[in-house]
Amino acid sequence: MYAIIKTGGKQYRVSSGEQVRIETLAAEVGAAVSFDQVLLVGAGDTVNVGAPLVAGAKVKATVLGHGRGDKVKIFKLRRRKHFQKSQGHRQNYTEVRIDDIVAGA
C-alpha cells in the first residue's frame, strides 16, 4: 500500500516502513506525527484519488531525527563587469519513518 501526502508545500510518495526526508517539522525526536493531507491511496490495482483530498485517510509516522542537507553552491558572474557573487545554502529537514497508512472511507 502506498500514499501520496502533502507537507511543507511538497508532495511525497510514501509506503509503510519507508524512511523519508521531509521539510522541517516542529516535533521532538521519537514523537508520533500524523499527516491528514492525503492526495491518493493505492493498493495493488485499486487506486483511490481524492478531490483534492481522500476523505478519512491518514498517514502515521515517527520522527527519527532532524538534520541539514548537502550544501548547494550558488555562483553568479557577470563577464567583463568585475562582478562575482558566491553564496551557499543548506536546507533543514526532518527524517520520518512511515508506520501506517489508513485508507479511509
PDB file of N, CA and C in Angstrom:
ATOM      1  N   MET A   1       0.846  -1.173   0.000  1.00  0.00           N
ATOM      2  CA  MET A   1       0.000   0.000   0.000  1.00  0.00           C
ATOM      3  C   MET A   1       0.889   1.233   0.000  1.00  0.00           C
ATOM      4  N   TYR A   2       0.504   2.229  -0.769  1.00  0.00           N
ATOM      5  CA  TYR A   2       1.249   3.471  -0.828  1.00  0.00           C
ATOM      6  C   TYR A   2       0.279   4.649  -0.808  1.00  0.00           C
ATOM      7  N   ALA A   3       0.841   5.823  -0.534  1.00  0.00           N
ATOM      8  CA  ALA A   3       0.026   7.034  -0.493  1.00  0.00           C
ATOM      9  C   ALA A   3       0.858   8.208  -0.970  1.00  0.00           C
ATOM     10  N   ILE A   4       0.191   9.234  -1.418  1.00  0.00           N
ATOM     11  CA  ILE A   4       0.849  10.498  -1.754  1.00  0.00           C
ATOM     12  C   ILE A   4       0.344  11.527  -0.757  1.00  0.00           C
ATOM     13  N   ILE A   5       1.296  12.086   0.022  1.00  0.00           N
ATOM     14  CA  ILE A   5       0.938  13.068   1.042  1.00  0.00           C
ATOM     15  C   ILE A   5       1.501  14.426   0.664  1.00  0.00           C
ATOM     16  N   LYS A   6       0.905  15.451   1.252  1.00  0.00           N
ATOM     17  CA  LYS A   6       1.361  16.816   1.021  1.00  0.00           C
ATOM     18  C   LYS A   6       1.779  17.398   2.362  1.00  0.00           C
ATOM     19  N   THR A   7       3.031  17.855   2.459  1.00  0.00           N
ATOM     20  CA  THR A   7       3.532  18.502   3.665  1.00  0.00           C
ATOM     21  C   THR A   7       4.642  19.459   3.287  1.00  0.00           C
ATOM     22  N   GLY A   8       4.639  20.607   3.904  1.00  0.00           N
ATOM     23  CA  GLY A   8       5.691  21.590   3.642  1.00  0.00           C
ATOM     24  C   GLY A   8       5.682  22.131   2.224  1.00  0.00           C
ATOM     25  N   GLY A   9       4.523  22.120   1.567  1.00  0.00           N
ATOM     26  CA  GLY A   9       4.440  22.646   0.211  1.00  0.00           C
ATOM     27  C   GLY A   9       4.921  21.672  -0.852  1.00  0.00           C
ATOM     28  N   LYS A  10       5.258  20.448  -0.464  1.00  0.00           N
ATOM     29  CA  LYS A  10       5.739  19.446  -1.411  1.00  0.00           C
ATOM     30  C   LYS A  10       4.888  18.182  -1.284  1.00  0.00           C
ATOM     31  N   GLN A  11       4.965  17.328  -2.294  1.00  0.00           N
ATOM     32  CA  GLN A  11       4.231  16.074  -2.289  1.00  0.00           C
ATOM     33  C   GLN A  11       5.216  14.912  -2.283  1.00  0.00           C
ATOM     34  N   TYR A  12       4.916  13.883  -1.488  1.00  0.00           N
ATOM     35  CA  TYR A  12       5.803  12.736  -1.338  1.00  0.00           C
ATOM     36  C   TYR A  12       5.010  11.448  -1.524  1.00  0.00           C
ATOM     37  N   ARG A  13       5.605  10.491  -2.224  1.00  0.00           N
ATOM     38  CA  ARG A  13       5.018   9.155  -2.359  1.00  0.00           C
ATOM     39  C   ARG A  13       5.648   8.286  -1.276  1.00  0.00           C
ATOM     40  N   VAL A  14       4.819   7.763  -0.376  1.00  0.00           N
ATOM     41  CA  VAL A  14       5.314   7.013   0.780  1.00  0.00           C
ATOM     42  C   VAL A  14       4.638   5.655   0.849  1.00  0.00           C
ATOM     43  N   SER A  15       5.323   4.705   1.497  1.00  0.00           N
ATOM     44  CA  SER A  15       4.746   3.402   1.780  1.00  0.00           C
ATOM     45  C   SER A  15       5.177   2.987   3.181  1.00  0.00           C
ATOM     46  N   SER A  16       4.534   1.992   3.742  1.00  0.00           N
ATOM     47  CA  SER A  16       4.808   1.580   5.120  1.00  0.00           C
ATOM     48  C   SER A  16       6.243   1.087   5.272  1.00  0.00           C
ATOM     49  N   GLY A  17       6.870   1.488   6.386  1.00  0.00           N
ATOM     50  CA  GLY A  17       8.235   1.079   6.678  1.00  0.00           C
ATOM     51  C   GLY A  17       9.311   1.909   6.008  1.00  0.00           C
ATOM     52  N   GLU A  18       8.931   2.860   5.208  1.00  0.00           N
ATOM     53  CA  GLU A  18       9.878   3.682   4.462  1.00  0.00           C
ATOM     54  C   GLU A  18      10.346   4.870   5.302  1.00  0.00           C
ATOM     55  N   GLN A  19      11.612   5.289   5.103  1.00  0.00           N
ATOM     56  CA  GLN A  19      12.141   6.483   5.752  1.00  0.00           C
ATOM     57  C   GLN A  19      12.195   7.599   4.719  1.00  0.00           C
ATOM     58  N   VAL A  20      11.649   8.764   5.085  1.00  0.00           N
ATOM     59  CA  VAL A  20      11.519   9.874   4.151  1.00  0.00           C
ATOM     60  C   VAL A  20      12.064  11.139   4.800  1.00  0.00           C
ATOM     61  N   ARG A  21      12.787  11.938   4.023  1.00  0.00           N
ATOM     62  CA  ARG A  21      13.239  13.258   4.474  1.00  0.00           C
ATOM     63  C   ARG A  21      12.262  14.300   3.948  1.00  0.00           C
ATOM     64  N   ILE A  22      11.607  14.998   4.879  1.00  0.00           N
ATOM     65  CA  ILE A  22      10.608  15.996   4.514  1.00  0.00           C
ATOM     66  C   ILE A  22      11.033  17.347   5.061  1.00  0.00           C
ATOM     67  N   GLU A  23      10.257  18.375   4.740  1.00  0.00           N
ATOM     68  CA  GLU A  23      10.525  19.705   5.272  1.00  0.00           C
ATOM     69  C   GLU A  23      10.436  19.688   6.795  1.00  0.00           C
ATOM     70  N   THR A  24      11.123  20.591   7.444  1.00  0.00           N
ATOM     71  CA  THR A  24      11.246  20.601   8.901  1.00  0.00           C
ATOM     72  C   THR A  24       9.883  20.660   9.595  1.00  0.00           C
ATOM     73  N   LEU A  25       9.717  19.766  10.583  1.00  0.00           N
ATOM     74  CA  LEU A  25       8.525  19.753  11.426  1.00  0.00           C
ATOM     75  C   LEU A  25       8.927  20.153  12.839  1.00  0.00           C
ATOM     76  N   ALA A  26       8.037  20.826  13.542  1.00  0.00           N
ATOM     77  CA  ALA A  26       8.288  21.207  14.936  1.00  0.00           C
ATOM     78  C   ALA A  26       7.829  20.053  15.828  1.00  0.00           C
ATOM     79  N   ALA A  27       8.616  18.976  15.848  1.00  0.00           N
ATOM     80  CA  ALA A  27       8.289  17.803  16.652  1.00  0.00           C
ATOM     81  C   ALA A  27       9.577  17.226  17.221  1.00  0.00           C
ATOM     82  N   GLU A  28       9.472  16.656  18.409  1.00  0.00           N
ATOM     83  CA  GLU A  28      10.636  16.054  19.067  1.00  0.00           C
ATOM     84  C   GLU A  28      10.990  14.718  18.406  1.00  0.00           C
ATOM     85  N   VAL A  29      12.247  14.315  18.573  1.00  0.00           N
ATOM     86  CA  VAL A  29      12.687  13.021  18.065  1.00  0.00           C
ATOM     87  C   VAL A  29      11.960  11.918  18.838  1.00  0.00           C
ATOM     88  N   GLY A  30      11.390  10.971  18.131  1.00  0.00           N
ATOM     89  CA  GLY A  30      10.627   9.889  18.736  1.00  0.00           C
ATOM     90  C   GLY A  30       9.138  10.161  18.824  1.00  0.00           C
ATOM     91  N   ALA A  31       8.720  11.369  18.508  1.00  0.00           N
ATOM     92  CA  ALA A  31       7.299  11.718  18.584  1.00  0.00           C
ATOM     93  C   ALA A  31       6.538  11.127  17.395  1.00  0.00           C
ATOM     94  N   ALA A  32       5.269  10.849  17.618  1.00  0.00           N
ATOM     95  CA  ALA A  32       4.401  10.350  16.546  1.00  0.00           C
ATOM     96  C   ALA A  32       3.727  11.531  15.867  1.00  0.00           C
ATOM     97  N   VAL A  33       3.761  11.560  14.548  1.00  0.00           N
ATOM     98  CA  VAL A  33       3.106  12.615  13.778  1.00  0.00           C
ATOM     99  C   VAL A  33       2.110  11.967  12.818  1.00  0.00           C
ATOM    100  N   SER A  34       1.116  12.742  12.438  1.00  0.00           N
ATOM    101  CA  SER A  34       0.081  12.254  11.541  1.00  0.00           C
ATOM    102  C   SER A  34      -0.103  13.258  10.408  1.00  0.00           C
ATOM    103  N   PHE A  35      -0.190  12.755   9.191  1.00  0.00           N
ATOM    104  CA  PHE A  35      -0.398  13.601   8.022  1.00  0.00           C
ATOM    105  C   PHE A  35      -1.823  13.394   7.532  1.00  0.00           C
ATOM    106  N   ASP A  36      -2.610  14.469   7.547  1.00  0.00           N
ATOM    107  CA  ASP A  36      -4.013  14.399   7.162  1.00  0.00           C
ATOM    108  C   ASP A  36      -4.236  14.735   5.692  1.00  0.00           C
ATOM    109  N   GLN A  37      -3.291  15.434   5.081  1.00  0.00           N
ATOM    110  CA  GLN A  37      -3.443  15.829   3.681  1.00  0.00           C
ATOM    111  C   GLN A  37      -2.944  14.700   2.781  1.00  0.00           C
ATOM    112  N   VAL A  38      -3.832  13.733   2.549  1.00  0.00           N
ATOM    113  CA  VAL A  38      -3.518  12.582   1.704  1.00  0.00           C
ATOM    114  C   VAL A  38      -4.218  12.781   0.363  1.00  0.00           C
ATOM    115  N   LEU A  39      -3.439  12.830  -0.712  1.00  0.00           N
ATOM    116  CA  LEU A  39      -3.987  13.104  -2.034  1.00  0.00           C
ATOM    117  C   LEU A  39      -4.400  11.838  -2.778  1.00  0.00           C
ATOM    118  N   LEU A  40      -3.741  10.701  -2.474  1.00  0.00           N
ATOM    119  CA  LEU A  40      -4.006   9.467  -3.194  1.00  0.00           C
ATOM    120  C   LEU A  40      -3.622   8.290  -2.312  1.00  0.00           C
ATOM    121  N   VAL A  41      -4.391   7.224  -2.370  1.00  0.00           N
ATOM    122  CA  VAL A  41      -4.068   5.980  -1.675  1.00  0.00           C
ATOM    123  C   VAL A  41      -4.201   4.853  -2.685  1.00  0.00           C
ATOM    124  N   GLY A  42      -3.150   4.028  -2.778  1.00  0.00           N
ATOM    125  CA  GLY A  42      -3.169   2.926  -3.736  1.00  0.00           C
ATOM    126  C   GLY A  42      -2.753   1.624  -3.082  1.00  0.00           C
ATOM    127  N   ALA A  43      -3.400   0.536  -3.508  1.00  0.00           N
ATOM    128  CA  ALA A  43      -3.057  -0.803  -3.039  1.00  0.00           C
ATOM    129  C   ALA A  43      -3.269  -1.764  -4.198  1.00  0.00           C
ATOM    130  N   GLY A  44      -2.171  -2.218  -4.801  1.00  0.00           N
ATOM    131  CA  GLY A  44      -2.294  -3.112  -5.947  1.00  0.00           C
ATOM    132  C   GLY A  44      -2.910  -2.397  -7.138  1.00  0.00           C
ATOM    133  N   ASP A  45      -4.015  -2.948  -7.656  1.00  0.00           N
ATOM    134  CA  ASP A  45      -4.696  -2.327  -8.799  1.00  0.00           C
ATOM    135  C   ASP A  45      -5.712  -1.279  -8.378  1.00  0.00           C
ATOM    136  N   THR A  46      -6.027  -1.209  -7.070  1.00  0.00           N
ATOM    137  CA  THR A  46      -7.020  -0.268  -6.570  1.00  0.00           C
ATOM    138  C   THR A  46      -6.347   1.059  -6.224  1.00  0.00           C
ATOM    139  N   VAL A  47      -6.835   2.131  -6.813  1.00  0.00           N
ATOM    140  CA  VAL A  47      -6.301   3.470  -6.544  1.00  0.00           C
ATOM    141  C   VAL A  47      -7.459   4.369  -6.165  1.00  0.00           C
ATOM    142  N   ASN A  48      -7.327   5.048  -5.011  1.00  0.00           N
ATOM    143  CA  ASN A  48      -8.354   5.969  -4.534  1.00  0.00           C
ATOM    144  C   ASN A  48      -7.791   7.383  -4.617  1.00  0.00           C
ATOM    145  N   VAL A  49      -8.298   8.162  -5.557  1.00  0.00           N
ATOM    146  CA  VAL A  49      -7.810   9.516  -5.785  1.00  0.00           C
ATOM    147  C   VAL A  49      -8.763  10.500  -5.115  1.00  0.00           C
ATOM    148  N   GLY A  50      -8.206  11.442  -4.365  1.00  0.00           N
ATOM    149  CA  GLY A  50      -9.016  12.442  -3.692  1.00  0.00           C
ATOM    150  C   GLY A  50      -9.352  13.604  -4.593  1.00  0.00           C
ATOM    151  N   ALA A  51     -10.328  14.403  -4.164  1.00  0.00           N
ATOM    152  CA  ALA A  51     -10.706  15.578  -4.927  1.00  0.00           C
ATOM    153  C   ALA A  51     -10.908  16.757  -3.996  1.00  0.00           C
ATOM    154  N   PRO A  52      -9.913  17.429  -3.481  1.00  0.00           N
ATOM    155  CA  PRO A  52      -8.481  17.202  -3.667  1.00  0.00           C
ATOM    156  C   PRO A  52      -7.882  16.214  -2.670  1.00  0.00           C
ATOM    157  N   LEU A  53      -8.578  15.924  -1.544  1.00  0.00           N
ATOM    158  CA  LEU A  53      -8.044  15.016  -0.533  1.00  0.00           C
ATOM    159  C   LEU A  53      -8.917  13.775  -0.412  1.00  0.00           C
ATOM    160  N   VAL A  54      -8.301  12.671   0.011  1.00  0.00           N
ATOM    161  CA  VAL A  54      -9.052  11.435   0.255  1.00  0.00           C
ATOM    162  C   VAL A  54      -9.704  11.555   1.625  1.00  0.00           C
ATOM    163  N   ALA A  55     -11.024  11.382   1.688  1.00  0.00           N
ATOM    164  CA  ALA A  55     -11.769  11.557   2.933  1.00  0.00           C
ATOM    165  C   ALA A  55     -11.407  10.469   3.940  1.00  0.00           C
ATOM    166  N   GLY A  56     -11.030  10.877   5.141  1.00  0.00           N
ATOM    167  CA  GLY A  56     -10.747   9.954   6.225  1.00  0.00           C
ATOM    168  C   GLY A  56      -9.387   9.275   6.174  1.00  0.00           C
ATOM    169  N   ALA A  57      -8.580   9.581   5.185  1.00  0.00           N
ATOM    170  CA  ALA A  57      -7.272   8.938   5.061  1.00  0.00           C
ATOM    171  C   ALA A  57      -6.236   9.660   5.917  1.00  0.00           C
ATOM    172  N   LYS A  58      -5.350   8.871   6.526  1.00  0.00           N
ATOM    173  CA  LYS A  58      -4.274   9.416   7.350  1.00  0.00           C
ATOM    174  C   LYS A  58      -3.022   8.586   7.151  1.00  0.00           C
ATOM    175  N   VAL A  59      -1.881   9.226   7.324  1.00  0.00           N
ATOM    176  CA  VAL A  59      -0.599   8.530   7.313  1.00  0.00           C
ATOM    177  C   VAL A  59       0.064   8.813   8.654  1.00  0.00           C
ATOM    178  N   LYS A  60       0.397   7.750   9.394  1.00  0.00           N
ATOM    179  CA  LYS A  60       1.024   7.897  10.702  1.00  0.00           C
ATOM    180  C   LYS A  60       2.513   7.618  10.573  1.00  0.00           C
ATOM    181  N   ALA A  61       3.317   8.461  11.246  1.00  0.00           N
ATOM    182  CA  ALA A  61       4.770   8.348  11.136  1.00  0.00           C
ATOM    183  C   ALA A  61       5.424   8.660  12.474  1.00  0.00           C
ATOM    184  N   THR A  62       6.715   8.305  12.589  1.00  0.00           N
ATOM    185  CA  THR A  62       7.516   8.577  13.771  1.00  0.00           C
ATOM    186  C   THR A  62       8.726   9.396  13.355  1.00  0.00           C
ATOM    187  N   VAL A  63       9.033  10.445  14.122  1.00  0.00           N
ATOM    188  CA  VAL A  63      10.181  11.310  13.818  1.00  0.00           C
ATOM    189  C   VAL A  63      11.463  10.590  14.249  1.00  0.00           C
ATOM    190  N   LEU A  64      12.388  10.427  13.301  1.00  0.00           N
ATOM    191  CA  LEU A  64      13.663   9.770  13.582  1.00  0.00           C
ATOM    192  C   LEU A  64      14.766  10.765  13.913  1.00  0.00           C
ATOM    193  N   GLY A  65      14.716  11.953  13.316  1.00  0.00           N
ATOM    194  CA  GLY A  65      15.749  12.940  13.591  1.00  0.00           C
ATOM    195  C   GLY A  65      15.600  14.169  12.717  1.00  0.00           C
ATOM    196  N   HIS A  66      16.421  15.157  13.038  1.00  0.00           N
ATOM    197  CA  HIS A  66      16.465  16.406  12.279  1.00  0.00           C
ATOM    198  C   HIS A  66      17.877  16.576  11.746  1.00  0.00           C
ATOM    199  N   GLY A  67      18.014  17.292  10.650  1.00  0.00           N
ATOM    200  CA  GLY A  67      19.348  17.495  10.090  1.00  0.00           C
ATOM    201  C   GLY A  67      19.343  18.582   9.044  1.00  0.00           C
ATOM    202  N   ARG A  68      20.496  18.689   8.381  1.00  0.00           N
ATOM    203  CA  ARG A  68      20.645  19.663   7.306  1.00  0.00           C
ATOM    204  C   ARG A  68      21.192  18.942   6.087  1.00  0.00           C
ATOM    205  N   GLY A  69      20.689  19.295   4.933  1.00  0.00           N
ATOM    206  CA  GLY A  69      21.083  18.641   3.690  1.00  0.00           C
ATOM    207  C   GLY A  69      22.453  19.081   3.211  1.00  0.00           C
ATOM    208  N   ASP A  70      22.836  18.580   2.056  1.00  0.00           N
ATOM    209  CA  ASP A  70      24.119  18.929   1.456  1.00  0.00           C
ATOM    210  C   ASP A  70      24.125  20.396   1.050  1.00  0.00           C
ATOM    211  N   LYS A  71      25.322  20.972   1.015  1.00  0.00           N
ATOM    212  CA  LYS A  71      25.453  22.371   0.644  1.00  0.00           C
ATOM    213  C   LYS A  71      25.260  22.539  -0.860  1.00  0.00           C
ATOM    214  N   VAL A  72      24.472  23.548  -1.202  1.00  0.00           N
ATOM    215  CA  VAL A  72      24.263  23.927  -2.588  1.00  0.00           C
ATOM    216  C   VAL A  72      25.010  25.227  -2.797  1.00  0.00           C
ATOM    217  N   LYS A  73      25.881  25.265  -3.794  1.00  0.00           N
ATOM    218  CA  LYS A  73      26.664  26.468  -4.060  1.00  0.00           C
ATOM    219  C   LYS A  73      26.013  27.269  -5.174  1.00  0.00           C
ATOM    220  N   ILE A  74      25.882  28.571  -4.919  1.00  0.00           N
ATOM    221  CA  ILE A  74      25.324  29.495  -5.893  1.00  0.00           C
ATOM    222  C   ILE A  74      26.439  30.447  -6.283  1.00  0.00           C
ATOM    223  N   PHE A  75      26.728  30.559  -7.576  1.00  0.00           N
ATOM    224  CA  PHE A  75      27.790  31.454  -8.043  1.00  0.00           C
ATOM    225  C   PHE A  75      27.252  32.266  -9.205  1.00  0.00           C
ATOM    226  N   LYS A  76      27.325  33.572  -9.048  1.00  0.00           N
ATOM    227  CA  LYS A  76      26.864  34.475 -10.099  1.00  0.00           C
ATOM    228  C   LYS A  76      28.051  35.259 -10.620  1.00  0.00           C
ATOM    229  N   LEU A  77      28.103  35.427 -11.937  1.00  0.00           N
ATOM    230  CA  LEU A  77      29.219  36.130 -12.573  1.00  0.00           C
ATOM    231  C   LEU A  77      28.704  36.921 -13.754  1.00  0.00           C
ATOM    232  N   ARG A  78      29.076  38.171 -13.818  1.00  0.00           N
ATOM    233  CA  ARG A  78      28.787  38.975 -14.997  1.00  0.00           C
ATOM    234  C   ARG A  78      30.118  39.235 -15.679  1.00  0.00           C
ATOM    235  N   ARG A  79      30.238  38.729 -16.869  1.00  0.00           N
ATOM    236  CA  ARG A  79      31.515  38.829 -17.549  1.00  0.00           C
ATOM    237  C   ARG A  79      31.857  40.269 -17.929  1.00  0.00           C
ATOM    238  N   ARG A  80      33.112  40.574 -17.806  1.00  0.00           N
ATOM    239  CA  ARG A  80      33.696  41.884 -18.142  1.00  0.00           C
ATOM    240  C   ARG A  80      33.156  43.016 -17.270  1.00  0.00           C
ATOM    241  N   LYS A  81      32.464  42.725 -16.182  1.00  0.00           N
ATOM    242  CA  LYS A  81      31.893  43.772 -15.321  1.00  0.00           C
ATOM    243  C   LYS A  81      32.522  43.773 -13.936  1.00  0.00           C
ATOM    244  N   HIS A  82      33.442  42.881 -13.680  1.00  0.00           N
ATOM    245  CA  HIS A  82      34.106  42.751 -12.384  1.00  0.00           C
ATOM    246  C   HIS A  82      33.081  42.495 -11.268  1.00  0.00           C
ATOM    247  N   PHE A  83      32.115  41.600 -11.572  1.00  0.00           N
ATOM    248  CA  PHE A  83      31.083  41.255 -10.598  1.00  0.00           C
ATOM    249  C   PHE A  83      31.085  39.753 -10.385  1.00  0.00           C
ATOM    250  N   GLN A  84      31.311  39.346  -9.136  1.00  0.00           N
ATOM    251  CA  GLN A  84      31.212  37.940  -8.752  1.00  0.00           C
ATOM    252  C   GLN A  84      30.507  37.864  -7.410  1.00  0.00           C
ATOM    253  N   LYS A  85      29.612  36.911  -7.293  1.00  0.00           N
ATOM    254  CA  LYS A  85      28.909  36.732  -6.035  1.00  0.00           C
ATOM    255  C   LYS A  85      28.835  35.234  -5.755  1.00  0.00           C
ATOM    256  N   SER A  86      29.313  34.829  -4.607  1.00  0.00           N
ATOM    257  CA  SER A  86      29.292  33.427  -4.216  1.00  0.00           C
ATOM    258  C   SER A  86      28.432  33.283  -2.962  1.00  0.00           C
ATOM    259  N   GLN A  87      27.595  32.254  -2.952  1.00  0.00           N
ATOM    260  CA  GLN A  87      26.673  32.063  -1.852  1.00  0.00           C
ATOM    261  C   GLN A  87      26.445  30.561  -1.670  1.00  0.00           C
ATOM    262  N   GLY A  88      26.083  30.151  -0.467  1.00  0.00           N
ATOM    263  CA  GLY A  88      25.791  28.748  -0.198  1.00  0.00           C
ATOM    264  C   GLY A  88      24.496  28.612   0.572  1.00  0.00           C
ATOM    265  N   HIS A  89      23.929  27.392   0.541  1.00  0.00           N
ATOM    266  CA  HIS A  89      22.660  27.153   1.232  1.00  0.00           C
ATOM    267  C   HIS A  89      22.594  25.693   1.660  1.00  0.00           C
ATOM    268  N   ARG A  90      22.112  25.452   2.876  1.00  0.00           N
ATOM    269  CA  ARG A  90      21.840  24.098   3.373  1.00  0.00           C
ATOM    270  C   ARG A  90      20.418  24.064   3.893  1.00  0.00           C
ATOM    271  N   GLN A  91      19.595  23.199   3.325  1.00  0.00           N
ATOM    272  CA  GLN A  91      18.188  23.114   3.687  1.00  0.00           C
ATOM    273  C   GLN A  91      18.003  22.206   4.900  1.00  0.00           C
ATOM    274  N   ASN A  92      17.194  22.634   5.861  1.00  0.00           N
ATOM    275  CA  ASN A  92      16.863  21.810   7.020  1.00  0.00           C
ATOM    276  C   ASN A  92      15.837  20.746   6.620  1.00  0.00           C
ATOM    277  N   TYR A  93      15.897  19.595   7.288  1.00  0.00           N
ATOM    278  CA  TYR A  93      14.930  18.540   7.019  1.00  0.00           C
ATOM    279  C   TYR A  93      14.615  17.771   8.297  1.00  0.00           C
ATOM    280  N   THR A  94      13.528  17.026   8.256  1.00  0.00           N
ATOM    281  CA  THR A  94      13.143  16.102   9.314  1.00  0.00           C
ATOM    282  C   THR A  94      13.013  14.723   8.680  1.00  0.00           C
ATOM    283  N   GLU A  95      13.642  13.735   9.288  1.00  0.00           N
ATOM    284  CA  GLU A  95      13.556  12.371   8.766  1.00  0.00           C
ATOM    285  C   GLU A  95      12.494  11.613   9.557  1.00  0.00           C
ATOM    286  N   VAL A  96      11.529  11.032   8.838  1.00  0.00           N
ATOM    287  CA  VAL A  96      10.438  10.301   9.477  1.00  0.00           C
ATOM    288  C   VAL A  96      10.360   8.883   8.917  1.00  0.00           C
ATOM    289  N   ARG A  97       9.841   7.966   9.734  1.00  0.00           N
ATOM    290  CA  ARG A  97       9.579   6.592   9.305  1.00  0.00           C
ATOM    291  C   ARG A  97       8.065   6.427   9.218  1.00  0.00           C
ATOM    292  N   ILE A  98       7.584   5.981   8.095  1.00  0.00           N
ATOM    293  CA  ILE A  98       6.155   5.795   7.880  1.00  0.00           C
ATOM    294  C   ILE A  98       5.739   4.491   8.555  1.00  0.00           C
ATOM    295  N   ASP A  99       4.831   4.596   9.526  1.00  0.00           N
ATOM    296  CA  ASP A  99       4.402   3.428  10.293  1.00  0.00           C
ATOM    297  C   ASP A  99       3.144   2.780   9.726  1.00  0.00           C
ATOM    298  N   ASP A 100       2.149   3.602   9.373  1.00  0.00           N
ATOM    299  CA  ASP A 100       0.853   3.042   8.975  1.00  0.00           C
ATOM    300  C   ASP A 100       0.153   3.979   8.000  1.00  0.00           C
ATOM    301  N   ILE A 101      -0.574   3.389   7.071  1.00  0.00           N
ATOM    302  CA  ILE A 101      -1.392   4.158   6.141  1.00  0.00           C
ATOM    303  C   ILE A 101      -2.836   3.714   6.335  1.00  0.00           C
ATOM    304  N   VAL A 102      -3.698   4.646   6.744  1.00  0.00           N
ATOM    305  CA  VAL A 102      -5.124   4.371   6.950  1.00  0.00           C
ATOM    306  C   VAL A 102      -5.850   4.888   5.711  1.00  0.00           C
ATOM    307  N   ALA A 103      -6.508   3.987   4.968  1.00  0.00           N
ATOM    308  CA  ALA A 103      -7.080   4.324   3.677  1.00  0.00           C
ATOM    309  C   ALA A 103      -8.307   5.227   3.779  1.00  0.00           C
ATOM    310  N   GLY A 104      -9.052   5.154   4.843  1.00  0.00           N
ATOM    311  CA  GLY A 104     -10.252   5.981   4.978  1.00  0.00           C
ATOM    312  C   GLY A 104     -11.459   5.327   4.328  1.00  0.00           C
ATOM    313  N   ALA A 105     -12.470   6.155   4.067  1.00  0.00           N
ATOM    314  CA  ALA A 105     -13.741   5.622   3.556  1.00  0.00           C
ATOM    315  C   ALA A 105     -13.657   5.283   2.076  1.00  0.00           C
TER     316      ALA A 105
END
